[in-house]
Each structure stands twice: as C-alpha cells, then as structure tokens.
Amino acid sequence: MAGTQETAASYAMLCRDCGATGHVGSFTPIDTCPSCHSLNIRVHPDLFSLSIAHVDCDAFYASIEKRDNPDLADRPVIVGGGDRGVVAAACYIARQFGVRSAMPAWQALKKCPDAVVIRPRMAHYVEIGHQVRTKMLSLTPLVQPLSIDEAFLDLAGTQKLHRASPAEALHRLQQDIKRDIGITVSIGLSSTKSLAKMASDRDKPDGFFVIGSAEAEAWLASQPISVLYGIGKSAVMRLNRIGVFTCADLAKGKVERISTVLGSQTMMVMNLAKGIDPRPVVADREAKSVSNETTFSQDLSDLKSLETEMEALCLKLSSRLKAKGIAGGTVTLKLKRANHRVITRSRSLPSRIDKAYQLFDIGRDLLINEVGNNNKFRLLGIGVNDLGKAYDARLFDLDGGEDNRRNRLEAAVDRLHIKMGSNVLRTGRQFTKAIKAKRTTDEQIKQPK
C-alpha cells in the first residue's frame, strides 16, 4: 500500500470485506480489520480526503464472456483472434502465459495453446459498459470516460450526498458492480488524474490502490518512466538513450536535454514525473458519435475500390473531429450488402484518436475480414463514438518513430488544406479516383446525343 507516513497523527482505515471504517494511531499499525479481522484493508493518512479516481474494468471483454459462461471460469480465455486477427482481450489466466492485447492470434495461441478463443461481441460489451457507466454517474456527474471500460471520476463535494467519503463511496461502487453486473473493477484513488490512473494499474484485478499528494514524488522517483500514463514505447526508448530511466531522472533532468526528445511537451511531462497534473476531470455524459457514409452508384466488391472510398470517408471524418476538437475511442465500420443487409464491426481503442491515417488503418483491418466470397456492397460508412476532448485523446503525442512522422505529416497537410483548400494536395488513391471520374465525365460529354 502506498503512502505510509510515520509522522502522521493517524491513519484512515477501510475494510474492503465488511466496509468498516475508522482511524488508527500512527504508532499502532494494524494488519487486520478490527471488526471482521480481514486482511483485506486499506490504511492511508489521506484515504478519506482524496477525491480523484480512475475506475477500470478488469479484463473487460474476457470477464464478460466468463460471466456469461461459468464453464470458462478456470480456463484461459482470449477474445478476438482468428487466422489473421489480433487479441482484443485476454483473461488473467491467459496473461500468465504471456498473452497480451494486440498480440497476433497465432503468437498468443503458441504461448497458450489451450486457450478458448471467442469472437468479440462488441454490441454486448457496449451495453455492459453503459451499465457500469450508469453506476459511476450515480456517484458524481463528473465522469470522464477514456474508453468503453474505464473512466476518471471526481467525487469532490459528494460527501454530504453519500454520507461517506469518496473512498467509501468507491468501495460501495466496486461491490455494487460485482453484485449487479457480475464483473470486477479496479480503483486508483489520488489527487490527480495521472496519479489515479497509475494507481489503478498497481492493484489488479479487483484492486484498490491509493497514492497521496505528499508521497507522490517520492513514490514516483524509483518508478520507470514507462509508468507515466501516455508515454509511448518509442519515447521511452529515446529517453533511455539519453540516460533517463526513472521518473526521478526525468523530474530532475536538464530541460534543454529532455526537450530534444519531448519537444513542447517537456515541462508537462516533467511535472507528471513529480506527481503534478492540474488537468480537471471533464464530464462527458452523453453517448455521442460522429460518422460519414456513402452509397455507391454501383455495388463494389474489390478491396482496392473499397479502400479508396474508405480513405475519402476517413479524411472527412478526421476533419470533422479536428474542427470540433474531439476524438473517438471506438471505431465502427458500417457496410450494406447488395441485398440491403447491414453489417457493423467495431473496435475499442486504448486511447482516443482523430487522425485520418489512424481511422483508415483500423477501418481497413475491419473491412478486410468482410471482403471476399463474392460479397458486394452498396454502402460503406466509418464512424467513432466514446468521444472526448482531443487534448485528452493522447495525453501527449510521444509515440515517436513512424507514428510520430505520420502525425507531423498529417498536421502539415491539414495546415495546407486550411490555407489553400482541400483539393490542393491529395493522396494517391484520391488523385487516381479524381482522374477516373474526370475521364468518365469527358467520355459522357463526347458521346453523341
């Protein structure tokens, strides 16, 4: 448990089994609950005063599948996969074999050949996610979703409403979700969003971890910089190359040197390494979505033509998202076959996106599995939901490498389009499409009436 301070006058105590609360003297540490003698207690001097939480569903997709099929309770479960697919989620048993989200399915099955592989049921997961979200909103209107299965909560000022501290209210939330929905969540409680996010990752599954303000910098000091929420692997590698390995290295490093890696985000990231994060929890209560779709003049079946149409839709969708300053956490592909049957495929993401190339990459992955077998399509659509502010989509753009190059390229193209119009620069696919359209028009004009 983070945050023991021998100089504190007393420690607040919460039993996660019976719910008992109280205070114990700093010189009389306890290991068990005075009421039920459980070892499952949380003791911290700031336990009842902290109010920023990160609530994260544990192995969400896999947990739902195990809930719905009790025979899977003791078996390794992988959601996603297929011959060319990737792992969307893995239960904690499968993770013990080294299976991780986004791992190619063949590699996951090589590590865990006895795993049960289940096709994702996104609509079902979204419905359960909304049930969890409703539980969160019963505690506070300040709920900021990050994805279908996690959110920040600000419970400041709710003590009178709940007749309990935020910690007690969050403990009840955990119990309610487990009882009413049948899955577990892990909770990180702290004074800032970034600390709360890191705290929830420290105690899984069904965890409850606390990081106080006074101890934050000391607690972070020995942690690897990869613990900071939002830093990509490439940024970690580049910081490592200049001798920055721990949060203490980052917090105490020379600004001039670190800025060669982090650029304009340097001071923000250095502050995060000290436990400083002034960003508020921003409420996002309504389920929103933004999408674009097109109906073809003739049914399309080949991947190349469908990719061209999808790219055009992604460019438009990205422009709309950027204009509104928002980004999406779930990408949804919509197809209508020649027989008017509508197909939708979705993918939830670890962080929100607004870039056209990101939308296209994910949309194309979803599309590939539907093309073939003589399938013809009359309509194609791409959209996003689980929307939030774009500045919180990626806490900072530090992916580096190829992604960083593509981010800079897209930003440069956006600036050019704003200045000179959307037709001044086109992708190869869109240029070829425009040439073909012009040729068709010219041929129609030349035909005798």
Protein backbone atom coordinates (compact mmCIF):
# COMPACT_ATOMS: atom_id res chain seq x y z
CA MET A 1 0.00 0.00 0.00
CA ALA A 2 1.45 3.35 -0.98
CA GLY A 3 1.79 6.23 1.38
CA THR A 4 2.66 5.24 4.94
CA GLN A 5 4.00 8.25 6.84
CA GLU A 6 5.25 7.75 10.37
CA THR A 7 4.84 11.44 11.18
CA ALA A 8 1.09 11.40 10.54
CA ALA A 9 -1.14 11.79 13.58
CA SER A 10 -3.40 8.97 12.44
CA TYR A 11 -4.23 6.71 9.54
CA ALA A 12 -7.66 6.32 7.96
CA MET A 13 -8.73 2.69 7.58
CA LEU A 14 -11.21 0.96 5.24
CA CYS A 15 -12.01 -2.75 5.25
CA ARG A 16 -12.80 -3.99 1.75
CA ASP A 17 -14.64 -7.04 3.07
CA CYS A 18 -17.04 -5.71 5.70
CA GLY A 19 -16.83 -1.99 4.81
CA ALA A 20 -15.80 -0.90 8.32
CA THR A 21 -14.00 2.44 8.55
CA GLY A 22 -12.12 4.29 11.24
CA HIS A 23 -8.82 5.83 12.28
CA VAL A 24 -5.81 4.26 13.91
CA GLY A 25 -2.86 5.96 15.57
CA SER A 26 0.34 6.28 13.58
CA PHE A 27 2.23 4.31 16.23
CA THR A 28 -0.32 1.50 16.40
CA PRO A 29 -0.23 -0.04 12.91
CA ILE A 30 -2.80 -2.74 12.20
CA ASP A 31 -2.79 -5.64 9.76
CA THR A 32 -6.39 -6.80 10.11
CA CYS A 33 -9.82 -5.21 10.30
CA PRO A 34 -10.85 -4.59 13.94
CA SER A 35 -14.43 -5.61 13.07
CA CYS A 36 -14.11 -8.74 10.91
CA HIS A 37 -10.37 -9.48 11.21
CA SER A 38 -9.96 -9.49 7.42
CA LEU A 39 -6.53 -8.84 5.97
CA ASN A 40 -8.12 -7.00 3.06
CA ILE A 41 -7.83 -3.49 4.48
CA ARG A 42 -6.55 -0.18 3.17
CA VAL A 43 -4.78 2.19 5.55
CA HIS A 44 -3.59 5.63 4.47
CA PRO A 45 -3.44 9.07 6.12
CA ASP A 46 -5.21 10.70 3.13
CA LEU A 47 -7.66 7.89 2.42
CA PHE A 48 -10.79 9.90 3.29
CA SER A 49 -9.69 13.22 1.75
CA LEU A 50 -8.63 12.19 -1.77
CA SER A 51 -11.33 12.56 -4.43
CA ILE A 52 -9.95 11.84 -7.94
CA ALA A 53 -10.41 8.23 -9.02
CA HIS A 54 -9.71 6.07 -12.03
CA VAL A 55 -12.09 3.12 -12.36
CA ASP A 56 -11.02 0.35 -14.75
CA CYS A 57 -12.93 -2.83 -15.56
CA ASP A 58 -10.70 -5.89 -15.21
CA ALA A 59 -10.04 -7.79 -18.48
CA PHE A 60 -13.40 -6.40 -19.58
CA TYR A 61 -14.31 -8.45 -22.68
CA ALA A 62 -12.93 -11.70 -21.26
CA SER A 63 -14.62 -11.11 -17.89
CA ILE A 64 -17.99 -10.69 -19.59
CA GLU A 65 -17.51 -13.92 -21.53
CA LYS A 66 -16.63 -15.77 -18.31
CA ARG A 67 -19.61 -14.22 -16.55
CA ASP A 68 -21.92 -15.37 -19.34
CA ASN A 69 -20.42 -18.86 -19.45
CA PRO A 70 -19.38 -20.11 -15.98
CA ASP A 71 -17.73 -23.17 -17.56
CA LEU A 72 -14.94 -20.81 -18.65
CA ALA A 73 -14.20 -19.61 -15.12
CA ASP A 74 -10.97 -21.57 -14.68
CA ARG A 75 -9.88 -21.62 -18.31
CA PRO A 76 -7.64 -19.20 -20.26
CA VAL A 77 -9.85 -17.05 -22.50
CA ILE A 78 -8.84 -14.92 -25.47
CA VAL A 79 -11.34 -12.57 -27.10
CA GLY A 80 -10.55 -11.78 -30.73
CA GLY A 81 -8.07 -13.65 -32.84
CA GLY A 82 -8.94 -15.62 -35.92
CA ASP A 83 -6.41 -16.66 -38.55
CA ARG A 84 -5.20 -13.12 -39.26
CA GLY A 85 -6.58 -11.29 -36.26
CA VAL A 86 -5.16 -9.94 -33.03
CA VAL A 87 -6.06 -10.38 -29.38
CA ALA A 88 -8.70 -7.88 -28.28
CA ALA A 89 -8.59 -9.03 -24.64
CA ALA A 90 -7.12 -11.81 -22.55
CA CYS A 91 -8.22 -13.02 -19.13
CA TYR A 92 -5.74 -13.05 -16.26
CA ILE A 93 -5.13 -16.79 -16.63
CA ALA A 94 -4.11 -16.31 -20.27
CA ARG A 95 -1.92 -13.37 -19.28
CA GLN A 96 0.10 -15.67 -17.03
CA PHE A 97 1.24 -17.40 -20.22
CA GLY A 98 2.35 -14.10 -21.73
CA VAL A 99 -0.76 -13.34 -23.81
CA ARG A 100 -1.40 -9.61 -24.20
CA SER A 101 -3.87 -7.36 -26.01
CA ALA A 102 -2.95 -6.50 -29.63
CA MET A 103 -0.77 -9.63 -29.88
CA PRO A 104 -1.20 -11.58 -33.14
CA ALA A 105 -3.55 -14.51 -32.60
CA TRP A 106 -1.07 -17.12 -33.83
CA GLN A 107 1.52 -15.87 -31.36
CA ALA A 108 -1.00 -15.88 -28.48
CA LEU A 109 -2.04 -19.47 -29.23
CA LYS A 110 1.59 -20.51 -29.42
CA LYS A 111 2.09 -19.18 -25.90
CA CYS A 112 -1.21 -20.56 -24.63
CA PRO A 113 -2.40 -23.42 -26.89
CA ASP A 114 -5.22 -24.43 -24.51
CA ALA A 115 -6.86 -21.01 -24.62
CA VAL A 116 -10.53 -20.70 -25.56
CA VAL A 117 -10.80 -18.19 -28.41
CA ILE A 118 -14.06 -16.24 -28.61
CA ARG A 119 -15.26 -13.90 -31.36
CA PRO A 120 -15.87 -10.38 -29.96
CA ARG A 121 -19.46 -9.31 -29.27
CA MET A 122 -18.99 -5.55 -29.33
CA ALA A 123 -22.65 -4.59 -29.05
CA HIS A 124 -22.92 -6.73 -25.92
CA TYR A 125 -19.77 -5.23 -24.41
CA VAL A 126 -21.01 -1.71 -25.12
CA GLU A 127 -24.29 -2.49 -23.34
CA ILE A 128 -22.42 -3.74 -20.25
CA GLY A 129 -20.13 -0.73 -20.44
CA HIS A 130 -23.15 1.56 -20.30
CA GLN A 131 -24.40 -0.28 -17.20
CA VAL A 132 -21.05 0.34 -15.50
CA ARG A 133 -21.12 3.99 -16.62
CA THR A 134 -24.58 4.42 -15.10
CA LYS A 135 -23.23 3.14 -11.79
CA MET A 136 -20.42 5.69 -11.94
CA LEU A 137 -22.83 8.53 -12.66
CA SER A 138 -24.80 7.60 -9.55
CA LEU A 139 -21.77 8.78 -7.55
CA THR A 140 -20.93 12.01 -9.38
CA PRO A 141 -21.81 13.91 -12.57
CA LEU A 142 -18.08 14.44 -13.13
CA VAL A 143 -17.34 11.24 -15.05
CA GLN A 144 -14.83 11.40 -17.89
CA PRO A 145 -14.79 8.17 -19.93
CA LEU A 146 -11.50 7.11 -21.51
CA SER A 147 -12.94 4.08 -23.27
CA ILE A 148 -15.81 1.63 -23.03
CA ASP A 149 -14.44 0.15 -19.79
CA GLU A 150 -12.63 2.91 -17.88
CA ALA A 151 -13.20 6.46 -16.68
CA PHE A 152 -11.99 9.21 -14.36
CA LEU A 153 -14.31 10.34 -11.57
CA ASP A 154 -14.14 13.49 -9.43
CA LEU A 155 -16.02 12.96 -6.18
CA ALA A 156 -15.09 16.26 -4.51
CA GLY A 157 -18.07 17.69 -2.66
CA THR A 158 -20.13 14.48 -2.70
CA GLN A 159 -19.62 13.56 0.96
CA LYS A 160 -22.92 15.01 2.13
CA LEU A 161 -24.83 13.38 -0.71
CA HIS A 162 -23.45 9.91 0.01
CA ARG A 163 -22.88 10.43 3.71
CA ALA A 164 -19.49 8.91 3.11
CA SER A 165 -16.02 9.84 1.95
CA PRO A 166 -15.12 9.31 -1.73
CA ALA A 167 -13.12 6.21 -0.73
CA GLU A 168 -16.15 4.65 0.96
CA ALA A 169 -18.42 5.56 -1.97
CA LEU A 170 -15.96 3.99 -4.41
CA HIS A 171 -15.76 0.83 -2.29
CA ARG A 172 -19.54 0.56 -2.46
CA LEU A 173 -19.37 1.10 -6.24
CA GLN A 174 -16.99 -1.85 -6.54
CA GLN A 175 -19.33 -4.04 -4.54
CA ASP A 176 -22.40 -2.92 -6.48
CA ILE A 177 -20.78 -3.62 -9.87
CA LYS A 178 -19.64 -7.05 -8.72
CA ARG A 179 -23.09 -7.91 -7.35
CA ASP A 180 -25.33 -6.35 -10.00
CA ILE A 181 -23.25 -6.69 -13.18
CA GLY A 182 -21.06 -9.66 -12.32
CA ILE A 183 -17.61 -8.27 -13.16
CA THR A 184 -14.85 -6.67 -11.12
CA VAL A 185 -13.25 -3.24 -11.39
CA SER A 186 -10.00 -1.86 -10.05
CA ILE A 187 -9.84 1.59 -8.50
CA GLY A 188 -6.99 4.07 -8.22
CA LEU A 189 -7.57 6.94 -5.79
CA SER A 190 -5.40 10.05 -5.65
CA SER A 191 -5.31 13.82 -6.03
CA THR A 192 -4.75 13.97 -9.81
CA LYS A 193 -5.88 12.11 -12.90
CA SER A 194 -2.45 10.81 -13.86
CA LEU A 195 -1.72 9.51 -10.35
CA ALA A 196 -5.16 7.88 -10.14
CA LYS A 197 -4.58 6.16 -13.49
CA MET A 198 -1.22 4.83 -12.35
CA ALA A 199 -2.72 3.72 -9.04
CA SER A 200 -5.43 1.60 -10.67
CA ASP A 201 -2.75 -0.25 -12.64
CA ARG A 202 -0.88 -1.21 -9.46
CA ASP A 203 -3.50 -3.48 -7.91
CA LYS A 204 -5.39 -5.77 -10.30
CA PRO A 205 -7.82 -7.43 -10.53
CA ASP A 206 -10.45 -6.15 -8.07
CA GLY A 207 -7.89 -3.74 -6.66
CA PHE A 208 -7.97 -0.54 -4.62
CA PHE A 209 -4.73 1.47 -4.51
CA VAL A 210 -4.10 4.90 -3.02
CA ILE A 211 -1.38 7.45 -3.77
CA GLY A 212 -1.38 10.60 -1.63
CA SER A 213 -0.12 14.03 -2.71
CA ALA A 214 2.64 14.23 -0.13
CA GLU A 215 4.17 10.91 -1.14
CA ALA A 216 3.62 11.19 -4.90
CA GLU A 217 7.06 12.44 -5.97
CA ALA A 218 8.88 10.04 -3.67
CA TRP A 219 6.72 7.13 -4.83
CA LEU A 220 7.30 8.00 -8.47
CA ALA A 221 11.06 8.54 -8.10
CA SER A 222 12.08 4.89 -8.45
CA GLN A 223 9.40 4.00 -11.00
CA PRO A 224 10.44 3.51 -14.64
CA ILE A 225 9.30 6.34 -16.91
CA SER A 226 7.06 3.85 -18.73
CA VAL A 227 4.68 4.06 -15.75
CA LEU A 228 3.65 7.59 -16.76
CA TYR A 229 0.27 7.49 -18.42
CA GLY A 230 0.55 8.42 -22.09
CA ILE A 231 4.23 7.87 -22.85
CA GLY A 232 4.72 5.57 -25.82
CA LYS A 233 7.37 2.88 -26.15
CA SER A 234 9.33 4.89 -28.69
CA ALA A 235 9.56 7.91 -26.37
CA VAL A 236 10.68 5.65 -23.52
CA MET A 237 13.44 4.20 -25.72
CA ARG A 238 14.63 7.64 -26.80
CA LEU A 239 14.66 8.91 -23.22
CA ASN A 240 16.56 5.82 -22.16
CA ARG A 241 19.18 6.60 -24.82
CA ILE A 242 19.91 9.96 -23.17
CA GLY A 243 20.16 8.39 -19.72
CA VAL A 244 16.59 8.94 -18.47
CA PHE A 245 15.28 5.71 -16.97
CA THR A 246 13.28 6.60 -13.86
CA CYS A 247 10.78 9.31 -13.00
CA ALA A 248 13.44 10.85 -10.75
CA ASP A 249 15.79 11.06 -13.75
CA LEU A 250 13.03 12.82 -15.68
CA ALA A 251 11.91 15.14 -12.87
CA LYS A 252 15.46 16.28 -12.07
CA GLY A 253 16.85 16.21 -15.61
CA LYS A 254 18.03 19.20 -17.62
CA VAL A 255 15.16 20.78 -19.52
CA GLU A 256 17.34 21.55 -22.53
CA ARG A 257 18.39 17.92 -22.94
CA ILE A 258 14.97 16.37 -22.32
CA SER A 259 13.34 18.80 -24.74
CA THR A 260 15.35 17.22 -27.56
CA VAL A 261 13.07 14.20 -27.09
CA LEU A 262 9.83 15.63 -25.74
CA GLY A 263 9.74 18.99 -27.51
CA SER A 264 6.88 21.28 -26.48
CA GLN A 265 5.55 18.68 -24.01
CA THR A 266 8.74 18.72 -21.91
CA MET A 267 7.52 20.72 -18.90
CA MET A 268 4.19 18.92 -18.78
CA VAL A 269 5.84 15.50 -18.73
CA MET A 270 8.49 16.55 -16.22
CA ASN A 271 5.71 17.75 -13.92
CA LEU A 272 3.88 14.45 -14.30
CA ALA A 273 7.07 12.73 -13.13
CA LYS A 274 6.82 14.84 -9.98
CA GLY A 275 3.15 13.98 -9.44
CA ILE A 276 1.88 17.35 -10.69
CA ASP A 277 -1.13 17.28 -13.03
CA PRO A 278 -3.57 20.24 -12.94
CA ARG A 279 -6.00 18.91 -15.55
CA PRO A 280 -9.57 18.60 -14.29
CA VAL A 281 -11.96 15.71 -14.76
CA VAL A 282 -14.17 16.83 -17.66
CA ALA A 283 -17.69 15.42 -17.68
CA ASP A 284 -18.76 13.59 -20.84
CA ARG A 285 -22.14 12.15 -20.01
CA GLU A 286 -23.87 11.78 -23.35
CA ALA A 287 -23.22 8.88 -25.67
CA LYS A 288 -22.12 10.65 -28.86
CA SER A 289 -20.94 9.52 -32.25
CA VAL A 290 -19.67 11.09 -35.45
CA SER A 291 -19.73 9.24 -38.76
CA ASN A 292 -19.61 9.55 -42.53
CA GLU A 293 -21.02 7.15 -45.09
CA THR A 294 -21.52 6.91 -48.84
CA THR A 295 -23.83 4.92 -51.12
CA PHE A 296 -22.18 3.72 -54.32
CA SER A 297 -23.68 4.22 -57.76
CA GLN A 298 -22.66 0.61 -58.47
CA ASP A 299 -22.07 -2.17 -55.97
CA LEU A 300 -18.40 -2.66 -55.07
CA SER A 301 -16.68 -5.92 -54.17
CA ASP A 302 -12.93 -5.48 -54.60
CA LEU A 303 -10.80 -4.37 -51.67
CA LYS A 304 -8.88 -1.74 -53.62
CA SER A 305 -12.01 0.20 -54.60
CA LEU A 306 -13.47 -0.08 -51.09
CA GLU A 307 -10.18 1.16 -49.60
CA THR A 308 -10.32 4.23 -51.83
CA GLU A 309 -13.86 5.04 -50.69
CA MET A 310 -12.95 4.41 -47.05
CA GLU A 311 -9.94 6.70 -47.21
CA ALA A 312 -12.13 9.53 -48.52
CA LEU A 313 -14.58 8.97 -45.65
CA CYS A 314 -11.77 8.87 -43.08
CA LEU A 315 -10.35 12.16 -44.37
CA LYS A 316 -13.77 13.80 -43.99
CA LEU A 317 -14.37 12.24 -40.57
CA SER A 318 -10.96 13.32 -39.33
CA SER A 319 -11.59 16.90 -40.50
CA ARG A 320 -14.90 16.98 -38.60
CA LEU A 321 -13.32 15.64 -35.43
CA LYS A 322 -10.42 18.10 -35.57
CA ALA A 323 -12.75 21.02 -36.25
CA LYS A 324 -14.71 20.17 -33.08
CA GLY A 325 -11.60 19.39 -31.03
CA ILE A 326 -12.80 15.88 -30.23
CA ALA A 327 -11.58 12.32 -30.76
CA GLY A 328 -13.12 8.85 -30.60
CA GLY A 329 -12.36 5.79 -28.51
CA THR A 330 -14.28 3.25 -30.62
CA VAL A 331 -14.16 2.94 -34.42
CA THR A 332 -17.19 1.42 -36.18
CA LEU A 333 -17.36 0.16 -39.76
CA LYS A 334 -20.74 0.01 -41.48
CA LEU A 335 -21.43 -1.98 -44.65
CA LYS A 336 -24.65 -2.59 -46.54
CA ARG A 337 -24.65 -5.57 -48.86
CA ALA A 338 -26.38 -5.75 -52.22
CA ASN A 339 -29.32 -7.49 -50.51
CA HIS A 340 -29.59 -4.49 -48.12
CA ARG A 341 -28.31 -6.46 -45.12
CA VAL A 342 -26.41 -4.08 -42.82
CA ILE A 343 -23.19 -5.21 -41.14
CA THR A 344 -21.37 -3.31 -38.40
CA ARG A 345 -17.96 -4.07 -36.94
CA SER A 346 -16.35 -2.11 -34.10
CA ARG A 347 -13.05 -1.89 -32.30
CA SER A 348 -12.46 -0.16 -28.97
CA LEU A 349 -9.09 1.52 -28.56
CA PRO A 350 -6.76 2.10 -25.61
CA SER A 351 -6.80 5.84 -26.34
CA ARG A 352 -8.94 8.17 -28.43
CA ILE A 353 -7.92 9.10 -31.97
CA ASP A 354 -8.72 11.82 -34.52
CA LYS A 355 -6.08 11.27 -37.23
CA ALA A 356 -7.22 10.20 -40.71
CA TYR A 357 -4.46 7.62 -41.10
CA GLN A 358 -5.37 6.01 -37.75
CA LEU A 359 -9.05 5.83 -38.70
CA PHE A 360 -8.12 4.31 -42.06
CA ASP A 361 -5.72 1.72 -40.60
CA ILE A 362 -8.35 0.45 -38.16
CA GLY A 363 -11.23 0.68 -40.65
CA ARG A 364 -9.21 -1.26 -43.22
CA ASP A 365 -8.49 -4.03 -40.70
CA LEU A 366 -12.21 -4.33 -40.01
CA LEU A 367 -13.02 -4.23 -43.72
CA ILE A 368 -10.57 -6.95 -44.82
CA ASN A 369 -12.47 -9.65 -42.93
CA GLU A 370 -15.70 -8.83 -44.80
CA VAL A 371 -14.37 -8.68 -48.35
CA GLY A 372 -14.37 -11.83 -50.47
CA ASN A 373 -16.74 -14.76 -51.04
CA ASN A 374 -18.40 -12.75 -53.83
CA ASN A 375 -19.74 -10.21 -51.33
CA LYS A 376 -20.89 -6.98 -52.96
CA PHE A 377 -21.59 -3.77 -51.09
CA ARG A 378 -23.82 -0.80 -51.88
CA LEU A 379 -22.89 1.36 -48.87
CA LEU A 380 -19.80 1.99 -46.74
CA GLY A 381 -19.58 4.03 -43.56
CA ILE A 382 -16.97 4.78 -40.88
CA GLY A 383 -17.64 6.42 -37.52
CA VAL A 384 -16.40 6.88 -33.96
CA ASN A 385 -18.07 7.02 -30.57
CA ASP A 386 -16.91 7.19 -26.94
CA LEU A 387 -15.99 10.77 -27.79
CA GLY A 388 -13.93 13.10 -25.65
CA LYS A 389 -11.77 16.17 -25.93
CA ALA A 390 -8.93 15.79 -28.40
CA TYR A 391 -6.33 17.07 -25.91
CA ASP A 392 -7.10 14.07 -23.73
CA ALA A 393 -7.09 11.57 -26.59
CA ARG A 394 -3.38 11.05 -26.12
CA LEU A 395 -2.16 12.89 -23.07
CA PHE A 396 0.81 13.84 -25.21
CA ASP A 397 1.96 12.73 -28.64
CA LEU A 398 5.07 10.79 -27.76
CA ASP A 399 4.79 7.70 -29.90
CA GLY A 400 7.81 8.72 -31.92
CA GLY A 401 9.10 6.68 -34.82
CA GLU A 402 6.75 6.02 -37.72
CA ASP A 403 3.63 7.20 -35.88
CA ASN A 404 5.30 10.49 -34.97
CA ARG A 405 6.36 11.01 -38.60
CA ARG A 406 2.81 10.34 -39.82
CA ASN A 407 1.38 12.68 -37.17
CA ARG A 408 3.65 15.51 -38.32
CA LEU A 409 2.87 14.81 -41.97
CA GLU A 410 -0.88 14.86 -41.39
CA ALA A 411 -0.63 18.08 -39.37
CA ALA A 412 1.32 19.71 -42.21
CA VAL A 413 -1.27 18.59 -44.77
CA ASP A 414 -4.08 19.91 -42.54
CA ARG A 415 -2.41 23.32 -42.39
CA LEU A 416 -2.03 23.35 -46.17
CA HIS A 417 -5.69 22.42 -46.69
CA ILE A 418 -6.85 25.16 -44.33
CA LYS A 419 -4.73 27.71 -46.16
CA MET A 420 -5.26 26.67 -49.79
CA GLY A 421 -8.27 24.34 -49.90
CA SER A 422 -8.85 20.59 -49.65
CA ASN A 423 -8.00 19.89 -53.32
CA VAL A 424 -4.52 21.40 -53.27
CA LEU A 425 -2.96 18.13 -52.10
CA ARG A 426 -4.44 14.64 -52.42
CA THR A 427 -3.39 11.12 -51.60
CA GLY A 428 -2.52 8.75 -54.42
CA ARG A 429 -5.83 6.93 -54.05
CA GLN A 430 -7.90 10.12 -54.15
CA PHE A 431 -5.91 11.55 -57.08
CA THR A 432 -6.47 8.37 -59.10
CA LYS A 433 -10.17 8.41 -58.20
CA ALA A 434 -10.49 12.03 -59.38
CA ILE A 435 -8.71 11.25 -62.69
CA LYS A 436 -11.02 8.29 -63.36
CA ALA A 437 -14.08 10.42 -62.56
CA LYS A 438 -12.90 13.12 -64.96
CA ARG A 439 -12.29 10.59 -67.73
CA THR A 440 -15.77 9.18 -67.25
CA THR A 441 -17.29 12.66 -67.43
CA ASP A 442 -15.28 13.54 -70.56
CA GLU A 443 -16.37 10.33 -72.27
CA GLN A 444 -20.01 11.06 -71.46
CA ILE A 445 -19.68 14.56 -72.93
CA LYS A 446 -18.09 13.20 -76.14
CA GLN A 447 -20.83 10.63 -76.71
CA PRO A 448 -23.30 11.75 -79.41
CA LYS A 449 -26.75 12.63 -78.21
